Amino acid sequence: MSVIIAMDDLELPCPNCKGEKHAFVNNKKEPCSKCDGKGVILTALGQTLLHFFKKHS
């Protein structure tokens, strides 16, 4: 039995910066504080998978 996991199952565009990796704070362009400038946030499955890899590496 195999399981197929798509990237959309693991991460979603950041709702704060809408995937742009930056946001404007006081009219100044800065890395988005919600996604740390990555443009994406992990889903619950993505967080679980990341925790698993960190635990077993």
C-alpha atoms as a PDB file:
ATOM      1  CA  MET A   1       0.000   0.000   0.000  1.00  0.00           C
ATOM      2  CA  SER A   2       1.367   3.422  -0.906  1.00  0.00           C
ATOM      3  CA  VAL A   3       0.339   6.903   0.102  1.00  0.00           C
ATOM      4  CA  ILE A   4       0.694   9.909  -2.168  1.00  0.00           C
ATOM      5  CA  ILE A   5       1.160  13.239  -0.424  1.00  0.00           C
ATOM      6  CA  ALA A   6       0.991  16.436  -2.467  1.00  0.00           C
ATOM      7  CA  MET A   7       2.768  19.650  -1.514  1.00  0.00           C
ATOM      8  CA  ASP A   8      -0.660  21.235  -0.916  1.00  0.00           C
ATOM      9  CA  ASP A   9      -1.150  18.660   1.833  1.00  0.00           C
ATOM     10  CA  LEU A  10       2.021  19.896   3.576  1.00  0.00           C
ATOM     11  CA  GLU A  11       2.107  23.651   3.072  1.00  0.00           C
ATOM     12  CA  LEU A  12      -0.151  26.514   2.031  1.00  0.00           C
ATOM     13  CA  PRO A  13       0.535  30.088   0.923  1.00  0.00           C
ATOM     14  CA  CYS A  14       0.858  32.375   3.925  1.00  0.00           C
ATOM     15  CA  PRO A  15      -2.434  34.211   4.455  1.00  0.00           C
ATOM     16  CA  ASN A  16      -0.609  37.238   5.856  1.00  0.00           C
ATOM     17  CA  CYS A  17       1.698  37.942   2.887  1.00  0.00           C
ATOM     18  CA  LYS A  18      -0.228  35.822   0.348  1.00  0.00           C
ATOM     19  CA  GLY A  19       2.950  33.941  -0.560  1.00  0.00           C
ATOM     20  CA  GLU A  20       4.939  37.099  -1.347  1.00  0.00           C
ATOM     21  CA  LYS A  21       7.463  36.443   1.474  1.00  0.00           C
ATOM     22  CA  HIS A  22       7.304  40.039   2.668  1.00  0.00           C
ATOM     23  CA  ALA A  23       4.808  42.420   4.206  1.00  0.00           C
ATOM     24  CA  PHE A  24       4.697  46.144   4.720  1.00  0.00           C
ATOM     25  CA  VAL A  25       5.142  47.338   8.292  1.00  0.00           C
ATOM     26  CA  ASN A  26       4.897  51.101   8.800  1.00  0.00           C
ATOM     27  CA  ASN A  27       5.206  51.521   4.993  1.00  0.00           C
ATOM     28  CA  LYS A  28       8.475  49.562   5.066  1.00  0.00           C
ATOM     29  CA  LYS A  29       8.929  46.251   3.225  1.00  0.00           C
ATOM     30  CA  GLU A  30      10.064  43.572   5.696  1.00  0.00           C
ATOM     31  CA  PRO A  31      10.119  39.747   5.761  1.00  0.00           C
ATOM     32  CA  CYS A  32       6.694  38.453   6.758  1.00  0.00           C
ATOM     33  CA  SER A  33       6.570  37.774  10.482  1.00  0.00           C
ATOM     34  CA  LYS A  34       3.947  35.025  10.148  1.00  0.00           C
ATOM     35  CA  CYS A  35       5.921  32.783   7.777  1.00  0.00           C
ATOM     36  CA  ASP A  36       9.442  34.075   8.552  1.00  0.00           C
ATOM     37  CA  GLY A  37       9.808  35.215   4.952  1.00  0.00           C
ATOM     38  CA  LYS A  38       9.194  31.753   3.475  1.00  0.00           C
ATOM     39  CA  GLY A  39       5.874  32.593   1.801  1.00  0.00           C
ATOM     40  CA  VAL A  40       4.263  29.391   3.063  1.00  0.00           C
ATOM     41  CA  ILE A  41       3.010  27.957   6.334  1.00  0.00           C
ATOM     42  CA  LEU A  42       2.891  24.292   7.265  1.00  0.00           C
ATOM     43  CA  THR A  43      -0.395  22.437   7.519  1.00  0.00           C
ATOM     44  CA  ALA A  44      -1.022  20.101  10.451  1.00  0.00           C
ATOM     45  CA  LEU A  45       0.231  17.199   8.322  1.00  0.00           C
ATOM     46  CA  GLY A  46       3.326  19.185   7.342  1.00  0.00           C
ATOM     47  CA  GLN A  47       4.097  19.944  10.988  1.00  0.00           C
ATOM     48  CA  THR A  48       3.643  16.282  11.928  1.00  0.00           C
ATOM     49  CA  LEU A  49       5.917  15.103   9.134  1.00  0.00           C
ATOM     50  CA  LEU A  50       8.592  17.680  10.017  1.00  0.00           C
ATOM     51  CA  HIS A  51       8.475  16.625  13.677  1.00  0.00           C
ATOM     52  CA  PHE A  52       8.846  12.970  12.621  1.00  0.00           C
ATOM     53  CA  PHE A  53      11.910  13.710  10.469  1.00  0.00           C
ATOM     54  CA  LYS A  54      13.564  15.802  13.163  1.00  0.00           C
ATOM     55  CA  LYS A  55      12.930  13.087  15.755  1.00  0.00           C
ATOM     56  CA  HIS A  56      14.434  10.339  13.621  1.00  0.00           C
ATOM     57  CA  SER A  57      17.427  12.114  12.116  1.00  0.00           C
END
